[in-house]
Amino acid sequence: LGIQGGRQDQYAAAFGGINFMEFKRSETL
């Protein structure tokens, strides 16, 4: 869709809760 943005929203919605997220080029924890 070409919508600019980051990665945190998708992972927050999928997992739920209070999270500390770590991002690399091809990996998210």
PDB file of all heavy atoms in Angstrom:
ATOM      1  N   LEU A   1       0.808  -1.221   0.000  1.00  0.00           N
ATOM      2  CA  LEU A   1       0.000   0.000   0.000  1.00  0.00           C
ATOM      3  C   LEU A   1       0.840   1.270   0.000  1.00  0.00           C
ATOM      4  O   LEU A   1       0.308   2.358  -0.228  1.00  0.00           O
ATOM      5  CB  LEU A   1      -0.932   0.004   1.223  1.00  0.00           C
ATOM      6  CG  LEU A   1      -1.989  -1.104   1.249  1.00  0.00           C
ATOM      7  CD1 LEU A   1      -2.746  -1.084   2.568  1.00  0.00           C
ATOM      8  CD2 LEU A   1      -2.961  -0.954   0.083  1.00  0.00           C
ATOM      9  N   GLY A   2       2.128   1.141   0.254  1.00  0.00           N
ATOM     10  CA  GLY A   2       3.016   2.304   0.201  1.00  0.00           C
ATOM     11  C   GLY A   2       2.804   3.308   1.314  1.00  0.00           C
ATOM     12  O   GLY A   2       3.075   4.501   1.154  1.00  0.00           O
ATOM     13  N   ILE A   3       2.324   2.853   2.482  1.00  0.00           N
ATOM     14  CA  ILE A   3       2.108   3.733   3.628  1.00  0.00           C
ATOM     15  C   ILE A   3       3.390   3.768   4.459  1.00  0.00           C
ATOM     16  O   ILE A   3       3.845   2.738   4.944  1.00  0.00           O
ATOM     17  CB  ILE A   3       0.933   3.239   4.495  1.00  0.00           C
ATOM     18  CG1 ILE A   3      -0.340   3.153   3.659  1.00  0.00           C
ATOM     19  CG2 ILE A   3       0.724   4.164   5.691  1.00  0.00           C
ATOM     20  CD1 ILE A   3      -1.496   2.474   4.383  1.00  0.00           C
ATOM     21  N   GLN A   4       3.951   4.944   4.638  1.00  0.00           N
ATOM     22  CA  GLN A   4       5.189   5.054   5.407  1.00  0.00           C
ATOM     23  C   GLN A   4       4.918   4.859   6.892  1.00  0.00           C
ATOM     24  O   GLN A   4       3.873   5.241   7.408  1.00  0.00           O
ATOM     25  CB  GLN A   4       5.850   6.412   5.170  1.00  0.00           C
ATOM     26  CG  GLN A   4       6.370   6.597   3.762  1.00  0.00           C
ATOM     27  CD  GLN A   4       7.595   7.482   3.724  1.00  0.00           C
ATOM     28  OE1 GLN A   4       8.519   7.336   4.512  1.00  0.00           O
ATOM     29  NE2 GLN A   4       7.602   8.416   2.785  1.00  0.00           N
ATOM     30  N   GLY A   5       5.879   4.271   7.587  1.00  0.00           N
ATOM     31  CA  GLY A   5       5.733   4.066   9.022  1.00  0.00           C
ATOM     32  C   GLY A   5       6.717   3.050   9.541  1.00  0.00           C
ATOM     33  O   GLY A   5       7.539   2.494   8.794  1.00  0.00           O
ATOM     34  N   GLY A   6       6.617   2.790  10.834  1.00  0.00           N
ATOM     35  CA  GLY A   6       7.517   1.849  11.478  1.00  0.00           C
ATOM     36  C   GLY A   6       6.895   0.483  11.669  1.00  0.00           C
ATOM     37  O   GLY A   6       5.916   0.119  11.006  1.00  0.00           O
ATOM     38  N   ARG A   7       7.473  -0.264  12.629  1.00  0.00           N
ATOM     39  CA  ARG A   7       7.071  -1.646  12.833  1.00  0.00           C
ATOM     40  C   ARG A   7       6.342  -1.894  14.146  1.00  0.00           C
ATOM     41  O   ARG A   7       5.751  -2.954  14.340  1.00  0.00           O
ATOM     42  CB  ARG A   7       8.317  -2.548  12.823  1.00  0.00           C
ATOM     43  CG  ARG A   7       8.709  -3.037  11.450  1.00  0.00           C
ATOM     44  CD  ARG A   7       9.788  -4.099  11.601  1.00  0.00           C
ATOM     45  NE  ARG A   7      11.065  -3.617  11.141  1.00  0.00           N
ATOM     46  CZ  ARG A   7      12.221  -4.213  11.392  1.00  0.00           C
ATOM     47  NH1 ARG A   7      12.258  -5.294  12.141  1.00  0.00           N
ATOM     48  NH2 ARG A   7      13.346  -3.718  10.915  1.00  0.00           N
ATOM     49  N   GLN A   8       6.404  -0.948  15.078  1.00  0.00           N
ATOM     50  CA  GLN A   8       5.904  -1.257  16.415  1.00  0.00           C
ATOM     51  C   GLN A   8       4.405  -1.532  16.459  1.00  0.00           C
ATOM     52  O   GLN A   8       3.942  -2.384  17.227  1.00  0.00           O
ATOM     53  CB  GLN A   8       6.251  -0.141  17.390  1.00  0.00           C
ATOM     54  CG  GLN A   8       5.578   1.192  17.119  1.00  0.00           C
ATOM     55  CD  GLN A   8       5.587   2.095  18.355  1.00  0.00           C
ATOM     56  OE1 GLN A   8       5.249   1.666  19.452  1.00  0.00           O
ATOM     57  NE2 GLN A   8       6.010   3.340  18.168  1.00  0.00           N
ATOM     58  N   ASP A   9       3.620  -0.836  15.645  1.00  0.00           N
ATOM     59  CA  ASP A   9       2.162  -0.940  15.744  1.00  0.00           C
ATOM     60  C   ASP A   9       1.665  -2.343  15.441  1.00  0.00           C
ATOM     61  O   ASP A   9       0.770  -2.868  16.118  1.00  0.00           O
ATOM     62  CB  ASP A   9       1.491   0.056  14.788  1.00  0.00           C
ATOM     63  CG  ASP A   9       1.797   1.491  15.131  1.00  0.00           C
ATOM     64  OD1 ASP A   9       2.401   1.739  16.202  1.00  0.00           O
ATOM     65  OD2 ASP A   9       1.452   2.374  14.332  1.00  0.00           O
ATOM     66  N   GLN A  10       2.212  -2.961  14.408  1.00  0.00           N
ATOM     67  CA  GLN A  10       1.756  -4.298  14.010  1.00  0.00           C
ATOM     68  C   GLN A  10       2.049  -5.322  15.108  1.00  0.00           C
ATOM     69  O   GLN A  10       1.208  -6.176  15.412  1.00  0.00           O
ATOM     70  CB  GLN A  10       2.430  -4.728  12.701  1.00  0.00           C
ATOM     71  CG  GLN A  10       2.071  -3.884  11.488  1.00  0.00           C
ATOM     72  CD  GLN A  10       2.953  -2.656  11.344  1.00  0.00           C
ATOM     73  OE1 GLN A  10       3.816  -2.381  12.185  1.00  0.00           O
ATOM     74  NE2 GLN A  10       2.748  -1.908  10.266  1.00  0.00           N
ATOM     75  N   TYR A  11       3.230  -5.227  15.695  1.00  0.00           N
ATOM     76  CA  TYR A  11       3.609  -6.197  16.714  1.00  0.00           C
ATOM     77  C   TYR A  11       2.862  -5.957  18.021  1.00  0.00           C
ATOM     78  O   TYR A  11       2.495  -6.911  18.722  1.00  0.00           O
ATOM     79  CB  TYR A  11       5.128  -6.177  16.924  1.00  0.00           C
ATOM     80  CG  TYR A  11       5.862  -6.803  15.759  1.00  0.00           C
ATOM     81  CD1 TYR A  11       6.190  -6.052  14.633  1.00  0.00           C
ATOM     82  CD2 TYR A  11       6.180  -8.158  15.749  1.00  0.00           C
ATOM     83  CE1 TYR A  11       6.833  -6.634  13.539  1.00  0.00           C
ATOM     84  CE2 TYR A  11       6.824  -8.749  14.676  1.00  0.00           C
ATOM     85  CZ  TYR A  11       7.146  -7.982  13.562  1.00  0.00           C
ATOM     86  OH  TYR A  11       7.766  -8.560  12.483  1.00  0.00           O
ATOM     87  N   ALA A  12       2.604  -4.692  18.364  1.00  0.00           N
ATOM     88  CA  ALA A  12       1.811  -4.396  19.555  1.00  0.00           C
ATOM     89  C   ALA A  12       0.415  -4.985  19.426  1.00  0.00           C
ATOM     90  O   ALA A  12      -0.103  -5.635  20.346  1.00  0.00           O
ATOM     91  CB  ALA A  12       1.737  -2.885  19.769  1.00  0.00           C
ATOM     92  N   ALA A  13      -0.217  -4.780  18.262  1.00  0.00           N
ATOM     93  CA  ALA A  13      -1.576  -5.269  18.051  1.00  0.00           C
ATOM     94  C   ALA A  13      -1.631  -6.795  18.042  1.00  0.00           C
ATOM     95  O   ALA A  13      -2.601  -7.396  18.505  1.00  0.00           O
ATOM     96  CB  ALA A  13      -2.131  -4.720  16.744  1.00  0.00           C
ATOM     97  N   ALA A  14      -0.612  -7.429  17.499  1.00  0.00           N
ATOM     98  CA  ALA A  14      -0.598  -8.888  17.427  1.00  0.00           C
ATOM     99  C   ALA A  14      -0.382  -9.528  18.801  1.00  0.00           C
ATOM    100  O   ALA A  14      -1.032 -10.517  19.143  1.00  0.00           O
ATOM    101  CB  ALA A  14       0.480  -9.357  16.463  1.00  0.00           C
ATOM    102  N   PHE A  15       0.518  -8.947  19.597  1.00  0.00           N
ATOM    103  CA  PHE A  15       0.906  -9.578  20.857  1.00  0.00           C
ATOM    104  C   PHE A  15       0.121  -9.045  22.056  1.00  0.00           C
ATOM    105  O   PHE A  15      -0.214  -9.803  22.970  1.00  0.00           O
ATOM    106  CB  PHE A  15       2.402  -9.391  21.101  1.00  0.00           C
ATOM    107  CG  PHE A  15       3.263 -10.303  20.283  1.00  0.00           C
ATOM    108  CD1 PHE A  15       3.634  -9.965  18.988  1.00  0.00           C
ATOM    109  CD2 PHE A  15       3.690 -11.517  20.785  1.00  0.00           C
ATOM    110  CE1 PHE A  15       4.426 -10.809  18.221  1.00  0.00           C
ATOM    111  CE2 PHE A  15       4.478 -12.379  20.034  1.00  0.00           C
ATOM    112  CZ  PHE A  15       4.842 -12.021  18.743  1.00  0.00           C
ATOM    113  N   GLY A  16      -0.150  -7.743  22.108  1.00  0.00           N
ATOM    114  CA  GLY A  16      -0.817  -7.148  23.251  1.00  0.00           C
ATOM    115  C   GLY A  16       0.088  -7.059  24.463  1.00  0.00           C
ATOM    116  O   GLY A  16       1.176  -7.642  24.508  1.00  0.00           O
ATOM    117  N   GLY A  17      -0.340  -6.280  25.467  1.00  0.00           N
ATOM    118  CA  GLY A  17       0.407  -6.147  26.711  1.00  0.00           C
ATOM    119  C   GLY A  17       1.380  -4.985  26.694  1.00  0.00           C
ATOM    120  O   GLY A  17       1.390  -4.158  25.773  1.00  0.00           O
ATOM    121  N   ILE A  18       2.206  -4.925  27.726  1.00  0.00           N
ATOM    122  CA  ILE A  18       3.273  -3.930  27.825  1.00  0.00           C
ATOM    123  C   ILE A  18       4.557  -4.608  27.371  1.00  0.00           C
ATOM    124  O   ILE A  18       4.988  -5.595  27.970  1.00  0.00           O
ATOM    125  CB  ILE A  18       3.411  -3.395  29.259  1.00  0.00           C
ATOM    126  CG1 ILE A  18       2.097  -2.757  29.714  1.00  0.00           C
ATOM    127  CG2 ILE A  18       4.546  -2.376  29.344  1.00  0.00           C
ATOM    128  CD1 ILE A  18       2.106  -2.258  31.157  1.00  0.00           C
ATOM    129  N   ASN A  19       5.162  -4.088  26.311  1.00  0.00           N
ATOM    130  CA  ASN A  19       6.289  -4.769  25.676  1.00  0.00           C
ATOM    131  C   ASN A  19       7.456  -3.835  25.415  1.00  0.00           C
ATOM    132  O   ASN A  19       7.273  -2.647  25.136  1.00  0.00           O
ATOM    133  CB  ASN A  19       5.853  -5.375  24.330  1.00  0.00           C
ATOM    134  CG  ASN A  19       4.829  -6.475  24.490  1.00  0.00           C
ATOM    135  OD1 ASN A  19       5.111  -7.506  25.078  1.00  0.00           O
ATOM    136  ND2 ASN A  19       3.633  -6.250  23.968  1.00  0.00           N
ATOM    137  N   PHE A  20       8.637  -4.412  25.512  1.00  0.00           N
ATOM    138  CA  PHE A  20       9.852  -3.763  25.036  1.00  0.00           C
ATOM    139  C   PHE A  20      10.242  -4.492  23.753  1.00  0.00           C
ATOM    140  O   PHE A  20      10.500  -5.690  23.775  1.00  0.00           O
ATOM    141  CB  PHE A  20      10.969  -3.861  26.073  1.00  0.00           C
ATOM    142  CG  PHE A  20      12.241  -3.177  25.652  1.00  0.00           C
ATOM    143  CD1 PHE A  20      12.356  -1.803  25.699  1.00  0.00           C
ATOM    144  CD2 PHE A  20      13.327  -3.919  25.197  1.00  0.00           C
ATOM    145  CE1 PHE A  20      13.522  -1.157  25.312  1.00  0.00           C
ATOM    146  CE2 PHE A  20      14.498  -3.297  24.806  1.00  0.00           C
ATOM    147  CZ  PHE A  20      14.592  -1.903  24.861  1.00  0.00           C
ATOM    148  N   MET A  21      10.247  -3.761  22.641  1.00  0.00           N
ATOM    149  CA  MET A  21      10.483  -4.366  21.336  1.00  0.00           C
ATOM    150  C   MET A  21      11.845  -3.961  20.793  1.00  0.00           C
ATOM    151  O   MET A  21      12.228  -2.791  20.887  1.00  0.00           O
ATOM    152  CB  MET A  21       9.392  -3.945  20.347  1.00  0.00           C
ATOM    153  CG  MET A  21       8.003  -4.334  20.782  1.00  0.00           C
ATOM    154  SD  MET A  21       6.755  -3.834  19.569  1.00  0.00           S
ATOM    155  CE  MET A  21       5.270  -4.420  20.388  1.00  0.00           C
ATOM    156  N   GLU A  22      12.534  -4.924  20.232  1.00  0.00           N
ATOM    157  CA  GLU A  22      13.847  -4.675  19.632  1.00  0.00           C
ATOM    158  C   GLU A  22      13.763  -4.960  18.141  1.00  0.00           C
ATOM    159  O   GLU A  22      13.242  -6.007  17.724  1.00  0.00           O
ATOM    160  CB  GLU A  22      14.898  -5.563  20.285  1.00  0.00           C
ATOM    161  CG  GLU A  22      15.059  -5.317  21.780  1.00  0.00           C
ATOM    162  CD  GLU A  22      16.003  -6.314  22.424  1.00  0.00           C
ATOM    163  OE1 GLU A  22      17.220  -6.044  22.433  1.00  0.00           O
ATOM    164  OE2 GLU A  22      15.519  -7.369  22.892  1.00  0.00           O
ATOM    165  N   PHE A  23      14.285  -4.033  17.354  1.00  0.00           N
ATOM    166  CA  PHE A  23      14.185  -4.130  15.900  1.00  0.00           C
ATOM    167  C   PHE A  23      15.572  -4.129  15.263  1.00  0.00           C
ATOM    168  O   PHE A  23      16.427  -3.317  15.617  1.00  0.00           O
ATOM    169  CB  PHE A  23      13.388  -2.955  15.331  1.00  0.00           C
ATOM    170  CG  PHE A  23      12.020  -2.798  15.936  1.00  0.00           C
ATOM    171  CD1 PHE A  23      11.805  -1.903  16.965  1.00  0.00           C
ATOM    172  CD2 PHE A  23      10.957  -3.551  15.473  1.00  0.00           C
ATOM    173  CE1 PHE A  23      10.548  -1.746  17.528  1.00  0.00           C
ATOM    174  CE2 PHE A  23       9.691  -3.415  16.022  1.00  0.00           C
ATOM    175  CZ  PHE A  23       9.492  -2.504  17.057  1.00  0.00           C
ATOM    176  N   LYS A  24      15.770  -5.030  14.315  1.00  0.00           N
ATOM    177  CA  LYS A  24      16.940  -5.022  13.444  1.00  0.00           C
ATOM    178  C   LYS A  24      16.433  -5.017  12.009  1.00  0.00           C
ATOM    179  O   LYS A  24      15.224  -5.033  11.768  1.00  0.00           O
ATOM    180  CB  LYS A  24      17.821  -6.232  13.726  1.00  0.00           C
ATOM    181  CG  LYS A  24      18.388  -6.239  15.145  1.00  0.00           C
ATOM    182  CD  LYS A  24      19.251  -7.450  15.397  1.00  0.00           C
ATOM    183  CE  LYS A  24      19.775  -7.443  16.842  1.00  0.00           C
ATOM    184  NZ  LYS A  24      20.604  -8.644  17.138  1.00  0.00           N
ATOM    185  N   ARG A  25      17.338  -5.004  11.068  1.00  0.00           N
ATOM    186  CA  ARG A  25      16.926  -4.912   9.666  1.00  0.00           C
ATOM    187  C   ARG A  25      15.902  -5.981   9.292  1.00  0.00           C
ATOM    188  O   ARG A  25      14.892  -5.694   8.651  1.00  0.00           O
ATOM    189  CB  ARG A  25      18.157  -5.037   8.757  1.00  0.00           C
ATOM    190  CG  ARG A  25      17.803  -5.028   7.259  1.00  0.00           C
ATOM    191  CD  ARG A  25      19.019  -5.330   6.419  1.00  0.00           C
ATOM    192  NE  ARG A  25      19.968  -4.240   6.454  1.00  0.00           N
ATOM    193  CZ  ARG A  25      19.965  -3.210   5.616  1.00  0.00           C
ATOM    194  NH1 ARG A  25      19.017  -3.109   4.696  1.00  0.00           N
ATOM    195  NH2 ARG A  25      20.881  -2.273   5.706  1.00  0.00           N
ATOM    196  N   SER A  26      16.124  -7.211   9.700  1.00  0.00           N
ATOM    197  CA  SER A  26      15.242  -8.307   9.273  1.00  0.00           C
ATOM    198  C   SER A  26      14.720  -9.114  10.453  1.00  0.00           C
ATOM    199  O   SER A  26      14.275 -10.251  10.277  1.00  0.00           O
ATOM    200  CB  SER A  26      15.982  -9.233   8.296  1.00  0.00           C
ATOM    201  OG  SER A  26      17.156  -9.747   8.893  1.00  0.00           O
ATOM    202  N   GLU A  27      14.742  -8.539  11.640  1.00  0.00           N
ATOM    203  CA  GLU A  27      14.312  -9.298  12.814  1.00  0.00           C
ATOM    204  C   GLU A  27      13.647  -8.373  13.816  1.00  0.00           C
ATOM    205  O   GLU A  27      14.069  -7.246  14.023  1.00  0.00           O
ATOM    206  CB  GLU A  27      15.514  -9.999  13.458  1.00  0.00           C
ATOM    207  CG  GLU A  27      15.159 -10.849  14.659  1.00  0.00           C
ATOM    208  CD  GLU A  27      16.389 -11.505  15.270  1.00  0.00           C
ATOM    209  OE1 GLU A  27      17.314 -10.770  15.693  1.00  0.00           O
ATOM    210  OE2 GLU A  27      16.425 -12.741  15.330  1.00  0.00           O
ATOM    211  N   THR A  28      12.592  -8.883  14.432  1.00  0.00           N
ATOM    212  CA  THR A  28      11.910  -8.163  15.504  1.00  0.00           C
ATOM    213  C   THR A  28      11.736  -9.104  16.683  1.00  0.00           C
ATOM    214  O   THR A  28      11.302 -10.252  16.510  1.00  0.00           O
ATOM    215  CB  THR A  28      10.530  -7.664  15.039  1.00  0.00           C
ATOM    216  OG1 THR A  28      10.685  -6.767  13.952  1.00  0.00           O
ATOM    217  CG2 THR A  28       9.807  -6.942  16.175  1.00  0.00           C
ATOM    218  N   LEU A  29      12.069  -8.630  17.878  1.00  0.00           N
ATOM    219  CA  LEU A  29      11.880  -9.406  19.093  1.00  0.00           C
ATOM    220  C   LEU A  29      10.920  -8.652  20.009  1.00  0.00           C
ATOM    221  O   LEU A  29      11.131  -7.474  20.308  1.00  0.00           O
ATOM    222  CB  LEU A  29      13.216  -9.629  19.814  1.00  0.00           C
ATOM    223  CG  LEU A  29      14.246 -10.516  19.100  1.00  0.00           C
ATOM    224  CD1 LEU A  29      15.537 -10.566  19.901  1.00  0.00           C
ATOM    225  CD2 LEU A  29      13.687 -11.922  18.890  1.00  0.00           C
TER     226      LEU A  29
END
